[in-house]
């Protein structure tokens, strides 16, 4: 038999078994790693399409909010920016921490570092205040507020103060003479390079958002120092504190800040003021001694907690003097009934009349003659109304929607004689011009002349009417609007939520940042003549111009500057 006798036929495989592997070879095969496959990978190292889709959606919404101005309010746009940014970041962080294919130590370590960082920041810092556009400023959590570091004034000056002596330069009340927001008897030299403002003094002051009232060389304001709400009198020439009157209480909210909001009124040697919790004071202007007071919260049965819930940013109505009366917004309990205005005998403090049935807003009453009748105008929580100054009888009312704990009404009625008035408001509301017509019953009918939501969105400030145009900070941007039609003529620089004061043919603009700008009041275009740093920090307070002396303040410092006048 040949050697190949038992070979399988050509093309057929042998059925003979291969030798069995040894135990060593089996163990080696088991230990040999298998090639990785795509399906065995735990997750992706880059975000999938659905994550990028969510991020893209939030970015598109963010762009619409920021650049299309769909909200009509820059502060709301800032809130939505924060929300959309947080959602986009959360989508990426959620995928990375729980769904990505990165190493567990990296994923969980990154999440832990983020949580620890946020917790540490919150433990060390708190929101000190927010701007008019709701941008927060932080400070160390346990640091004292600036007003708490100021000493309480105790000694009274022996200087003889006379607030009975008056002159054409006086700036005796909120927004100046007749509350018009204008000073027309002086003209400013526009070249601040050749004739720069000269600082007379600059010093710390207690918290608060009121301005100065100035008579006979003395400036009166309200401020918060610790737990005391003060009415204070300073010498204009050098800023020396002459007298102060203290009242216990501290109004403080995150959104509204700390301190009183009222600008005192000086009349015939007396000072009238209203605190943030509704304490109405009449003081002797020579020494700050109290003559009489009235507690509005006690009068109307309101607790301080309930008042803050209803009037979230503090009572802001500056007292109005009309003949023998002092008139202030009144209010009422949370669910009513409400009294819009209350009038006291300015000598004795006795109540003379009460009028209106709407909750108070943040504006102050103003006296004007419209439709041939002298009347007190006021913007309430959700209406504006006119009242007979002698009897308090309500002459007219118009809806002006708002809530004093949300989209509050703060801007003044701007009278436009002989028979018109202008209202303006932030929160996307804009402005409206109304016309009064007398009825046989001695009241008035009110009709719209125009309403435009895109102009004069004045959140904290008031407008200045000059000739046939009106000027105001509309959501922080200076605007000029044609009074007859409501048409915007020009839009200027963004100054923030500051204040403006008309001075002949110019505007002094108190920027929210503390700088003061001089802008020409002309419909021909936006022309900023000059500006300088008057203060530092958030400034919501109104300016006061006493002759050539410009007095400015905010919640931390006050200053006086000599301006060159024509």
Protein backbone atom coordinates (compact mmCIF):
# COMPACT_ATOMS: atom_id res chain seq x y z
CA UNK A 1 0.00 0.00 0.00
CA UNK A 2 1.33 3.36 -0.93
CA UNK A 3 1.77 6.23 1.40
CA UNK A 4 -1.22 8.09 -0.12
CA UNK A 5 -3.69 5.22 -0.06
CA UNK A 6 -5.77 6.72 2.76
CA UNK A 7 -5.70 10.39 1.56
CA UNK A 8 -9.18 11.90 0.92
CA UNK A 9 -10.28 12.32 -2.67
CA UNK A 10 -9.32 15.54 -4.43
CA UNK A 11 -11.66 18.42 -3.43
CA UNK A 12 -12.88 16.80 -0.21
CA UNK A 13 -11.77 17.91 3.25
CA UNK A 14 -10.58 15.43 5.74
CA UNK A 15 -13.06 14.52 8.46
CA UNK A 16 -10.31 13.67 10.83
CA UNK A 17 -10.37 15.67 14.06
CA UNK A 18 -7.68 18.24 14.79
CA UNK A 19 -5.66 17.62 17.90
CA UNK A 20 -7.31 19.01 21.06
CA UNK A 21 -5.69 22.22 22.29
CA UNK A 22 -3.75 22.10 25.44
CA UNK A 23 -5.10 23.78 28.62
CA UNK A 24 -2.44 26.47 28.23
CA UNK A 25 -3.71 27.44 24.76
CA UNK A 26 -7.34 27.65 25.99
CA UNK A 27 -6.38 30.01 28.79
CA UNK A 28 -4.49 32.19 26.35
CA UNK A 29 -7.50 32.40 24.05
CA UNK A 30 -9.75 33.42 26.93
CA UNK A 31 -7.32 36.10 28.04
CA UNK A 32 -6.95 37.58 24.53
CA UNK A 33 -9.02 40.84 24.30
CA UNK A 34 -11.69 41.10 21.66
CA UNK A 35 -11.75 44.04 19.25
CA UNK A 36 -13.95 46.98 20.43
CA UNK A 37 -17.07 47.71 18.44
CA UNK A 38 -19.08 50.92 18.07
CA UNK A 39 -22.05 49.46 19.87
CA UNK A 40 -19.98 48.65 22.93
CA UNK A 41 -18.84 52.30 23.51
CA UNK A 42 -20.57 53.84 26.52
CA UNK A 43 -21.24 57.26 24.92
CA UNK A 44 -20.00 59.91 22.53
CA UNK A 45 -17.09 62.20 23.25
CA UNK A 46 -18.79 65.10 21.46
CA UNK A 47 -22.37 66.34 21.98
CA UNK A 48 -24.99 64.70 19.76
CA UNK A 49 -27.31 66.52 17.40
CA UNK A 50 -30.13 66.87 19.93
CA UNK A 51 -27.89 68.75 22.37
CA UNK A 52 -26.69 71.15 19.69
CA UNK A 53 -30.31 71.57 18.61
CA UNK A 54 -31.35 72.69 22.11
CA UNK A 55 -28.36 75.02 22.40
CA UNK A 56 -29.13 76.47 18.99
CA UNK A 57 -32.78 77.04 19.94
CA UNK A 58 -31.81 78.95 23.08
CA UNK A 59 -29.28 81.01 21.12
CA UNK A 60 -31.88 81.90 18.48
CA UNK A 61 -34.35 82.97 21.16
CA UNK A 62 -31.57 84.94 22.84
CA UNK A 63 -30.82 86.77 19.59
CA UNK A 64 -34.50 87.59 19.08
CA UNK A 65 -34.80 88.96 22.62
CA UNK A 66 -31.59 91.01 22.50
CA UNK A 67 -31.69 92.45 19.01
CA UNK A 68 -35.33 92.37 17.95
CA UNK A 69 -36.42 93.98 21.26
CA UNK A 70 -39.61 91.93 21.37
CA UNK A 71 -40.12 92.66 25.08
CA UNK A 72 -39.90 96.45 24.77
CA UNK A 73 -37.98 96.51 28.07
CA UNK A 74 -34.21 96.12 28.35
CA UNK A 75 -34.49 94.78 31.91
CA UNK A 76 -36.82 91.96 30.84
CA UNK A 77 -34.44 91.23 27.96
CA UNK A 78 -31.63 90.85 30.50
CA UNK A 79 -33.69 88.39 32.56
CA UNK A 80 -34.52 86.33 29.46
CA UNK A 81 -30.86 86.44 28.43
CA UNK A 82 -29.94 84.90 31.78
CA UNK A 83 -32.68 82.25 31.45
CA UNK A 84 -31.77 81.23 27.89
CA UNK A 85 -28.06 81.22 28.69
CA UNK A 86 -28.70 79.03 31.73
CA UNK A 87 -30.78 76.59 29.67
CA UNK A 88 -28.10 76.31 26.98
CA UNK A 89 -25.37 75.72 29.56
CA UNK A 90 -27.57 73.20 31.43
CA UNK A 91 -28.14 71.18 28.24
CA UNK A 92 -24.40 70.88 27.63
CA UNK A 93 -23.62 70.14 31.29
CA UNK A 94 -26.35 67.50 31.56
CA UNK A 95 -25.06 65.67 28.50
CA UNK A 96 -21.42 65.88 29.63
CA UNK A 97 -22.09 64.71 33.21
CA UNK A 98 -24.59 61.90 32.59
CA UNK A 99 -24.56 60.85 28.92
CA UNK A 100 -21.11 61.47 27.45
CA UNK A 101 -18.40 58.86 26.95
CA UNK A 102 -15.77 60.72 28.92
CA UNK A 103 -14.08 59.07 31.86
CA UNK A 104 -16.23 58.98 35.00
CA UNK A 105 -13.65 60.88 37.03
CA UNK A 106 -13.72 63.75 34.54
CA UNK A 107 -17.52 63.83 34.30
CA UNK A 108 -18.27 63.69 38.01
CA UNK A 109 -15.26 65.81 38.93
CA UNK A 110 -16.40 68.58 36.61
CA UNK A 111 -19.94 68.52 38.02
CA UNK A 112 -18.64 68.54 41.60
CA UNK A 113 -16.31 71.47 40.85
CA UNK A 114 -19.21 73.45 39.39
CA UNK A 115 -21.46 72.79 42.40
CA UNK A 116 -18.69 73.65 44.88
CA UNK A 117 -17.86 76.88 42.99
CA UNK A 118 -21.48 78.05 43.00
CA UNK A 119 -21.94 77.15 46.67
CA UNK A 120 -18.71 78.95 47.63
CA UNK A 121 -19.67 82.08 45.72
CA UNK A 122 -23.13 82.15 47.33
CA UNK A 123 -21.58 81.65 50.76
CA UNK A 124 -19.12 84.52 50.32
CA UNK A 125 -21.13 87.06 48.33
CA UNK A 126 -24.63 88.50 48.15
CA UNK A 127 -26.38 90.85 45.76
CA UNK A 128 -25.69 94.40 46.92
CA UNK A 129 -28.08 96.02 44.47
CA UNK A 130 -29.40 95.74 40.93
CA UNK A 131 -29.34 98.37 38.23
CA UNK A 132 -32.37 99.75 36.45
CA UNK A 133 -31.81 97.01 33.87
CA UNK A 134 -31.64 94.34 36.61
CA UNK A 135 -27.88 93.80 36.35
CA UNK A 136 -26.68 92.74 39.83
CA UNK A 137 -23.70 94.07 41.77
CA UNK A 138 -22.22 91.78 44.44
CA UNK A 139 -20.45 92.43 47.72
CA UNK A 140 -19.13 90.24 50.54
CA UNK A 141 -22.06 88.64 52.36
CA UNK A 142 -21.15 89.84 55.84
CA UNK A 143 -19.87 93.29 54.85
CA UNK A 144 -21.82 96.20 56.31
CA UNK A 145 -23.80 98.38 53.93
CA UNK A 146 -22.22 101.81 53.30
CA UNK A 147 -24.98 103.62 55.20
CA UNK A 148 -24.37 101.40 58.26
CA UNK A 149 -20.77 102.62 58.40
CA UNK A 150 -21.81 106.28 58.74
CA UNK A 151 -22.09 107.73 62.20
CA UNK A 152 -25.46 108.89 63.41
CA UNK A 153 -25.60 112.71 63.52
CA UNK A 154 -26.12 113.85 67.09
CA UNK A 155 -24.91 117.43 67.51
CA UNK A 156 -26.87 120.33 66.06
CA UNK A 157 -25.14 123.34 64.61
CA UNK A 158 -25.61 126.67 66.35
CA UNK A 159 -25.83 128.34 62.96
CA UNK A 160 -29.00 130.31 62.34
CA UNK A 161 -30.82 128.75 59.38
CA UNK A 162 -33.53 130.72 57.62
CA UNK A 163 -35.57 128.82 55.05
CA UNK A 164 -38.10 131.64 54.99
CA UNK A 165 -35.80 133.85 52.92
CA UNK A 166 -36.37 133.08 49.26
CA UNK A 167 -34.84 134.04 45.92
CA UNK A 168 -35.38 133.26 42.21
CA UNK A 169 -32.54 130.74 42.42
CA UNK A 170 -34.42 128.53 44.91
CA UNK A 171 -35.14 124.90 44.02
CA UNK A 172 -37.69 124.32 46.81
CA UNK A 173 -39.27 120.98 45.92
CA UNK A 174 -39.22 117.81 43.83
CA UNK A 175 -38.29 118.65 40.20
CA UNK A 176 -37.80 122.30 41.06
CA UNK A 177 -40.16 125.29 40.89
CA UNK A 178 -43.75 124.21 40.17
CA UNK A 179 -42.49 120.64 39.71
CA UNK A 180 -41.87 121.38 36.05
CA UNK A 181 -38.50 119.66 35.77
CA UNK A 182 -37.09 122.90 34.40
CA UNK A 183 -34.92 125.84 35.41
CA UNK A 184 -35.33 128.66 32.91
CA UNK A 185 -33.91 131.73 34.62
CA UNK A 186 -30.28 130.67 34.04
CA UNK A 187 -28.40 129.49 30.98
CA UNK A 188 -25.37 127.21 31.11
CA UNK A 189 -22.09 127.85 29.31
CA UNK A 190 -21.94 124.81 27.00
CA UNK A 191 -18.15 124.57 26.70
CA UNK A 192 -17.14 122.46 29.68
CA UNK A 193 -13.62 122.13 28.32
CA UNK A 194 -12.89 125.84 28.64
CA UNK A 195 -15.15 126.24 31.71
CA UNK A 196 -15.26 122.85 33.46
CA UNK A 197 -17.58 122.18 36.42
CA UNK A 198 -15.78 123.02 39.65
CA UNK A 199 -16.21 120.63 42.56
CA UNK A 200 -17.08 122.49 45.77
CA UNK A 201 -17.45 119.35 47.88
CA UNK A 202 -18.07 115.62 47.60
CA UNK A 203 -18.76 113.40 50.59
CA UNK A 204 -20.51 110.23 51.82
CA UNK A 205 -24.24 110.36 52.50
CA UNK A 206 -26.81 107.91 53.81
CA UNK A 207 -28.80 105.68 51.47
CA UNK A 208 -31.93 106.91 49.70
CA UNK A 209 -33.29 107.88 46.29
CA UNK A 210 -34.67 111.37 46.94
CA UNK A 211 -33.03 114.55 45.71
CA UNK A 212 -32.17 117.91 47.28
CA UNK A 213 -34.49 120.84 47.80
CA UNK A 214 -32.59 124.12 48.15
CA UNK A 215 -33.58 127.49 49.63
CA UNK A 216 -31.38 130.38 50.78
CA UNK A 217 -28.15 128.42 50.57
CA UNK A 218 -29.35 125.32 52.46
CA UNK A 219 -30.11 121.93 50.91
CA UNK A 220 -32.52 119.46 52.51
CA UNK A 221 -32.82 115.76 51.66
CA UNK A 222 -33.70 112.37 53.19
CA UNK A 223 -31.28 109.55 53.89
CA UNK A 224 -30.90 106.24 55.72
CA UNK A 225 -28.17 105.61 58.28
CA UNK A 226 -28.47 102.21 59.91
CA UNK A 227 -31.92 101.84 61.44
CA UNK A 228 -32.73 105.55 61.30
CA UNK A 229 -34.50 107.36 58.50
CA UNK A 230 -33.32 110.97 58.51
CA UNK A 231 -34.31 114.36 57.16
CA UNK A 232 -31.04 116.30 56.88
CA UNK A 233 -30.05 119.89 56.12
CA UNK A 234 -26.66 120.77 54.59
CA UNK A 235 -24.97 124.07 53.85
CA UNK A 236 -24.64 124.37 50.07
CA UNK A 237 -21.33 126.23 50.20
CA UNK A 238 -19.29 123.48 51.89
CA UNK A 239 -21.59 120.49 52.51
CA UNK A 240 -21.55 120.82 56.31
CA UNK A 241 -24.44 119.05 58.05
CA UNK A 242 -26.44 121.71 59.90
CA UNK A 243 -29.30 119.71 61.43
CA UNK A 244 -31.02 116.34 61.19
CA UNK A 245 -34.28 114.76 62.28
CA UNK A 246 -34.35 110.99 62.94
CA UNK A 247 -37.22 108.53 62.66
CA UNK A 248 -36.88 104.83 63.46
CA UNK A 249 -37.31 102.43 60.55
CA UNK A 250 -35.38 100.96 57.64
CA UNK A 251 -36.94 100.23 54.27
CA UNK A 252 -34.77 97.82 52.29
CA UNK A 253 -35.56 95.55 49.34
CA UNK A 254 -33.32 93.78 46.84
CA UNK A 255 -34.86 95.45 43.80
CA UNK A 256 -35.48 98.87 45.28
CA UNK A 257 -32.47 99.25 47.54
CA UNK A 258 -32.30 100.97 50.92
CA UNK A 259 -33.76 104.14 52.35
CA UNK A 260 -36.40 106.82 51.80
CA UNK A 261 -37.49 107.87 48.31
CA UNK A 262 -39.07 111.25 48.93
CA UNK A 263 -37.62 114.68 48.13
CA UNK A 264 -38.63 117.09 50.93
CA UNK A 265 -40.61 120.25 50.21
CA UNK A 266 -39.61 123.62 51.68
CA UNK A 267 -42.40 126.13 52.24
CA UNK A 268 -42.42 129.32 54.35
CA UNK A 269 -39.57 128.16 56.54
CA UNK A 270 -40.93 124.66 57.13
CA UNK A 271 -39.86 121.30 55.70
CA UNK A 272 -42.42 118.66 54.71
CA UNK A 273 -41.33 115.09 54.03
CA UNK A 274 -42.71 111.57 53.73
CA UNK A 275 -40.77 108.48 54.78
CA UNK A 276 -40.69 105.16 52.93
CA UNK A 277 -43.22 103.74 55.44
CA UNK A 278 -45.64 106.66 55.16
CA UNK A 279 -44.51 108.90 58.03
CA UNK A 280 -45.55 112.44 57.03
CA UNK A 281 -43.46 115.10 58.81
CA UNK A 282 -43.62 118.84 59.24
CA UNK A 283 -40.32 120.21 60.60
CA UNK A 284 -39.06 123.61 61.66
CA UNK A 285 -36.61 124.52 58.90
CA UNK A 286 -34.37 126.46 61.26
CA UNK A 287 -33.43 123.50 63.44
CA UNK A 288 -35.20 120.33 62.24
CA UNK A 289 -37.49 120.12 65.27
CA UNK A 290 -40.76 118.29 64.68
CA UNK A 291 -43.93 120.41 64.50
CA UNK A 292 -46.37 117.65 63.61
CA UNK A 293 -46.49 114.18 62.09
CA UNK A 294 -49.00 111.69 60.72
CA UNK A 295 -48.49 107.94 60.32
CA UNK A 296 -50.36 106.86 57.19
CA UNK A 297 -49.98 103.13 57.90
CA UNK A 298 -51.59 103.53 61.32
CA UNK A 299 -54.28 105.79 59.92
CA UNK A 300 -55.32 103.22 57.32
CA UNK A 301 -54.66 100.07 59.35
CA UNK A 302 -51.72 98.73 57.34
CA UNK A 303 -48.80 96.73 58.73
CA UNK A 304 -45.32 97.42 57.39
CA UNK A 305 -45.11 93.91 55.95
CA UNK A 306 -48.38 94.33 54.08
CA UNK A 307 -47.35 97.76 52.83
CA UNK A 308 -44.14 96.32 51.36
CA UNK A 309 -46.15 93.57 49.65
CA UNK A 310 -48.46 96.13 48.07
CA UNK A 311 -46.06 99.05 47.51
CA UNK A 312 -42.90 97.05 47.06
CA UNK A 313 -40.38 99.86 46.58
CA UNK A 314 -41.44 102.24 49.32
CA UNK A 315 -43.70 105.26 49.47
CA UNK A 316 -42.22 107.86 47.16
CA UNK A 317 -44.73 110.70 47.00
CA UNK A 318 -43.09 114.05 47.72
CA UNK A 319 -45.50 116.38 49.58
CA UNK A 320 -47.21 119.06 47.50
CA UNK A 321 -48.07 122.43 49.04
CA UNK A 322 -51.24 124.06 47.71
CA UNK A 323 -52.34 127.19 49.56
CA UNK A 324 -52.81 126.06 53.20
CA UNK A 325 -52.69 122.35 52.43
CA UNK A 326 -50.00 119.68 52.19
CA UNK A 327 -51.11 116.85 49.88
CA UNK A 328 -49.59 113.35 49.67
CA UNK A 329 -50.63 109.96 48.21
CA UNK A 330 -52.46 107.91 50.85
CA UNK A 331 -53.13 104.24 49.94
CA UNK A 332 -54.92 101.64 52.01
CA UNK A 333 -54.90 98.01 53.21
CA UNK A 334 -53.93 95.14 50.90
CA UNK A 335 -57.49 94.51 49.70
CA UNK A 336 -58.77 98.08 50.07
CA UNK A 337 -60.57 100.34 50.44
CA UNK A 338 -58.02 102.79 49.02
CA UNK A 339 -57.61 106.55 49.26
CA UNK A 340 -55.59 108.07 46.43
CA UNK A 341 -54.80 111.44 48.06
CA UNK A 342 -54.97 112.94 51.52
CA UNK A 343 -54.71 116.66 52.33
CA UNK A 344 -53.55 118.01 55.71
CA UNK A 345 -53.69 121.50 57.11
CA UNK A 346 -50.04 122.45 56.68
CA UNK A 347 -49.97 124.37 59.97
CA UNK A 348 -51.63 121.83 62.27
CA UNK A 349 -51.58 118.47 60.49
CA UNK A 350 -55.35 118.10 60.69
CA UNK A 351 -56.93 116.13 57.84
CA UNK A 352 -58.91 118.42 55.52
CA UNK A 353 -60.00 115.98 52.82
CA UNK A 354 -59.45 112.54 51.28
CA UNK A 355 -60.07 111.72 47.62
CA UNK A 356 -59.88 108.94 45.05
CA UNK A 357 -60.24 105.18 45.39
CA UNK A 358 -57.14 103.77 43.66
CA UNK A 359 -54.03 102.40 45.40
CA UNK A 360 -50.98 104.68 45.31
CA UNK A 361 -48.17 104.42 42.77
CA UNK A 362 -44.73 106.05 42.96
CA UNK A 363 -45.40 109.47 41.48
CA UNK A 364 -45.95 112.74 43.35
CA UNK A 365 -48.94 115.10 43.03
CA UNK A 366 -48.54 118.20 40.88
CA UNK A 367 -50.63 121.39 40.67
CA UNK A 368 -51.70 122.68 37.26
CA UNK A 369 -54.42 124.71 35.57
CA UNK A 370 -56.02 122.68 32.77
CA UNK A 371 -59.30 123.36 31.04
CA UNK A 372 -59.46 126.65 32.89
CA UNK A 373 -59.55 124.92 36.28
CA UNK A 374 -56.84 124.63 38.92
CA UNK A 375 -56.38 120.98 39.86
CA UNK A 376 -54.09 118.46 41.51
CA UNK A 377 -52.88 115.75 39.12
CA UNK A 378 -51.64 112.35 40.29
CA UNK A 379 -50.64 109.00 38.78
CA UNK A 380 -52.01 106.22 40.98
CA UNK A 381 -51.41 102.46 40.79
CA UNK A 382 -53.66 101.83 37.78
CA UNK A 383 -55.15 105.22 36.95
CA UNK A 384 -54.34 108.90 36.62
CA UNK A 385 -56.75 111.47 38.04
CA UNK A 386 -57.40 115.15 38.65
CA UNK A 387 -58.78 116.62 41.91
CA UNK A 388 -60.12 119.95 43.10
CA UNK A 389 -57.45 121.30 45.48
CA UNK A 390 -59.91 122.92 47.91
CA UNK A 391 -62.42 120.09 48.34
CA UNK A 392 -60.57 117.08 46.95
CA UNK A 393 -63.46 116.28 44.60
CA UNK A 394 -62.32 114.03 41.79
CA UNK A 395 -62.71 115.83 38.47
CA UNK A 396 -61.64 113.09 36.06
CA UNK A 397 -59.95 109.71 35.89
CA UNK A 398 -58.29 107.74 33.10
CA UNK A 399 -57.02 104.15 33.09
CA UNK A 400 -53.24 103.86 33.21
CA UNK A 401 -52.58 100.17 34.00
CA UNK A 402 -49.92 99.17 36.50
CA UNK A 403 -49.21 97.33 39.74
CA UNK A 404 -47.23 98.88 42.56
CA UNK A 405 -45.51 95.55 43.24
CA UNK A 406 -44.75 94.72 39.59
CA UNK A 407 -44.95 97.02 36.53
CA UNK A 408 -45.17 100.11 38.69
CA UNK A 409 -46.10 103.64 37.61
CA UNK A 410 -43.46 106.14 38.74
CA UNK A 411 -43.37 109.01 36.23
CA UNK A 412 -45.18 112.29 36.82
CA UNK A 413 -48.13 113.72 34.96
CA UNK A 414 -46.73 116.35 32.60
CA UNK A 415 -49.31 119.17 32.25
CA UNK A 416 -49.55 120.67 28.75
CA UNK A 417 -51.70 123.83 29.07
CA UNK A 418 -54.29 124.84 28.19
CA UNK A 419 -56.09 121.48 28.34
CA UNK A 420 -53.74 118.55 27.74
CA UNK A 421 -51.48 116.31 29.80
CA UNK A 422 -48.89 113.66 29.01
CA UNK A 423 -48.35 110.30 30.74
CA UNK A 424 -45.30 108.10 30.28
CA UNK A 425 -44.18 104.79 31.70
CA UNK A 426 -41.64 101.98 31.35
CA UNK A 427 -42.23 98.23 31.10
CA UNK A 428 -43.11 98.57 27.42
CA UNK A 429 -46.04 100.93 28.05
CA UNK A 430 -44.67 104.06 26.36
CA UNK A 431 -46.47 107.40 26.39
CA UNK A 432 -49.88 108.92 25.74
CA UNK A 433 -51.24 112.44 25.29
CA UNK A 434 -54.73 113.22 26.61
CA UNK A 435 -57.10 116.15 26.21
CA UNK A 436 -59.64 117.41 28.77
CA UNK A 437 -63.01 118.93 27.94
CA UNK A 438 -65.32 120.42 30.57
CA UNK A 439 -68.79 119.03 31.23
CA UNK A 440 -71.91 120.79 32.50
CA UNK A 441 -71.48 119.02 35.86
CA UNK A 442 -68.18 120.77 36.48
CA UNK A 443 -66.09 117.66 35.78
CA UNK A 444 -64.08 116.72 32.69
CA UNK A 445 -64.17 114.16 29.94
CA UNK A 446 -60.84 112.70 28.84
CA UNK A 447 -60.00 111.60 25.31
CA UNK A 448 -56.84 110.19 23.76
CA UNK A 449 -54.90 112.37 21.38
CA UNK A 450 -52.30 109.64 20.78
CA UNK A 451 -50.79 106.55 22.41
CA UNK A 452 -47.42 105.19 21.29
CA UNK A 453 -45.83 102.26 23.12
CA UNK A 454 -42.43 102.66 21.43
CA UNK A 455 -41.56 106.10 22.84
CA UNK A 456 -40.78 107.63 26.24
CA UNK A 457 -40.67 104.36 28.18
CA UNK A 458 -39.69 106.21 31.35
CA UNK A 459 -39.24 103.70 34.13
CA UNK A 460 -37.90 105.87 36.98
CA UNK A 461 -37.48 109.27 35.36
CA UNK A 462 -39.71 112.08 34.15
CA UNK A 463 -39.97 113.93 30.87
CA UNK A 464 -39.01 117.50 30.03
CA UNK A 465 -41.33 119.46 27.73
CA UNK A 466 -39.54 122.12 25.69
CA UNK A 467 -41.46 124.10 23.09
CA UNK A 468 -43.15 121.59 20.77
CA UNK A 469 -41.16 118.53 21.80
CA UNK A 470 -40.73 116.29 24.80
CA UNK A 471 -37.50 114.65 25.97
CA UNK A 472 -37.04 111.62 28.19
CA UNK A 473 -34.96 108.54 28.95
CA UNK A 474 -36.84 105.80 27.13
CA UNK A 475 -35.71 102.50 28.59
CA UNK A 476 -32.42 104.25 29.34
CA UNK A 477 -31.94 105.92 25.93
CA UNK A 478 -32.48 109.67 25.53
CA UNK A 479 -35.29 110.41 23.06
CA UNK A 480 -36.86 113.45 21.45
CA UNK A 481 -40.55 113.07 20.55
CA UNK A 482 -42.89 115.42 18.70
CA UNK A 483 -45.51 116.48 21.22
CA UNK A 484 -48.40 116.86 18.77
CA UNK A 485 -48.12 113.39 17.21
CA UNK A 486 -46.01 111.14 19.47
CA UNK A 487 -43.59 110.56 16.60
CA UNK A 488 -39.99 109.91 17.61
CA UNK A 489 -37.72 112.60 16.17
CA UNK A 490 -34.36 111.20 17.27
CA UNK A 491 -32.76 108.67 19.56
CA UNK A 492 -29.56 109.60 21.39
CA UNK A 493 -27.10 107.88 23.71
CA UNK A 494 -27.85 105.22 26.30
CA UNK A 495 -27.54 106.93 29.69
CA UNK A 496 -29.27 104.24 31.75
CA UNK A 497 -32.13 104.84 34.15
CA UNK A 498 -31.03 108.23 35.41
CA UNK A 499 -32.81 111.61 35.47
CA UNK A 500 -33.02 114.76 33.37
CA UNK A 501 -33.50 118.45 34.12
CA UNK A 502 -34.28 121.13 31.55
CA UNK A 503 -32.11 124.26 31.78
CA UNK A 504 -33.30 126.82 29.25
CA UNK A 505 -32.35 125.28 25.86
CA UNK A 506 -30.33 122.39 27.29
CA UNK A 507 -30.81 119.20 29.23
CA UNK A 508 -28.74 118.14 32.21
CA UNK A 509 -28.74 114.34 32.13
CA UNK A 510 -27.89 112.52 35.34
CA UNK A 511 -26.66 109.17 34.08
CA UNK A 512 -27.32 106.02 36.07
CA UNK A 513 -23.55 105.53 36.25
CA UNK A 514 -23.14 108.86 38.11
CA UNK A 515 -21.82 110.95 35.22
CA UNK A 516 -23.63 114.14 34.23
CA UNK A 517 -24.03 115.10 30.56
CA UNK A 518 -25.11 118.34 28.90
CA UNK A 519 -27.30 117.79 25.84
CA UNK A 520 -28.86 120.39 23.57
CA UNK A 521 -32.66 120.34 23.69
CA UNK A 522 -33.38 120.60 19.98
CA UNK A 523 -35.32 118.47 17.50
CA UNK A 524 -32.52 119.00 14.95
CA UNK A 525 -30.61 115.99 16.25
CA UNK A 526 -28.83 114.53 19.25
CA UNK A 527 -25.99 116.85 20.29
CA UNK A 528 -24.16 116.04 23.50
CA UNK A 529 -22.15 119.09 24.42
CA UNK A 530 -20.07 117.62 27.29
CA UNK A 531 -20.08 115.32 30.31
CA UNK A 532 -18.12 114.72 33.51
CA UNK A 533 -17.99 112.29 36.41
CA UNK A 534 -20.16 113.81 39.13
CA UNK A 535 -20.61 110.65 41.25
CA UNK A 536 -19.71 106.99 41.20
CA UNK A 537 -22.17 104.15 41.41
CA UNK A 538 -25.86 103.64 40.74
CA UNK A 539 -27.63 107.01 40.64
CA UNK A 540 -31.42 107.17 40.42
CA UNK A 541 -31.76 110.51 42.24
CA UNK A 542 -32.94 113.76 40.68
CA UNK A 543 -30.66 116.74 40.13
CA UNK A 544 -31.10 120.11 41.82
CA UNK A 545 -29.81 123.35 40.28
CA UNK A 546 -29.54 126.28 42.67
CA UNK A 547 -28.35 129.23 40.59
CA UNK A 548 -24.97 128.05 39.33
CA UNK A 549 -24.69 125.27 41.95
CA UNK A 550 -25.50 121.76 40.80
CA UNK A 551 -26.31 119.37 43.66
CA UNK A 552 -26.23 115.65 42.95
CA UNK A 553 -26.48 112.56 45.11
CA UNK A 554 -27.10 108.84 45.05
CA UNK A 555 -27.37 106.13 47.71
CA UNK A 556 -23.76 106.51 48.90
CA UNK A 557 -22.37 109.98 48.16
CA UNK A 558 -23.39 113.58 47.48
CA UNK A 559 -21.59 116.44 45.74
CA UNK A 560 -21.94 120.07 44.72
CA UNK A 561 -20.44 121.60 41.57
CA UNK A 562 -20.15 125.18 40.37
CA UNK A 563 -21.27 125.44 36.74
CA UNK A 564 -20.39 128.33 34.46
CA UNK A 565 -23.56 130.24 33.60
CA UNK A 566 -24.30 132.86 30.99
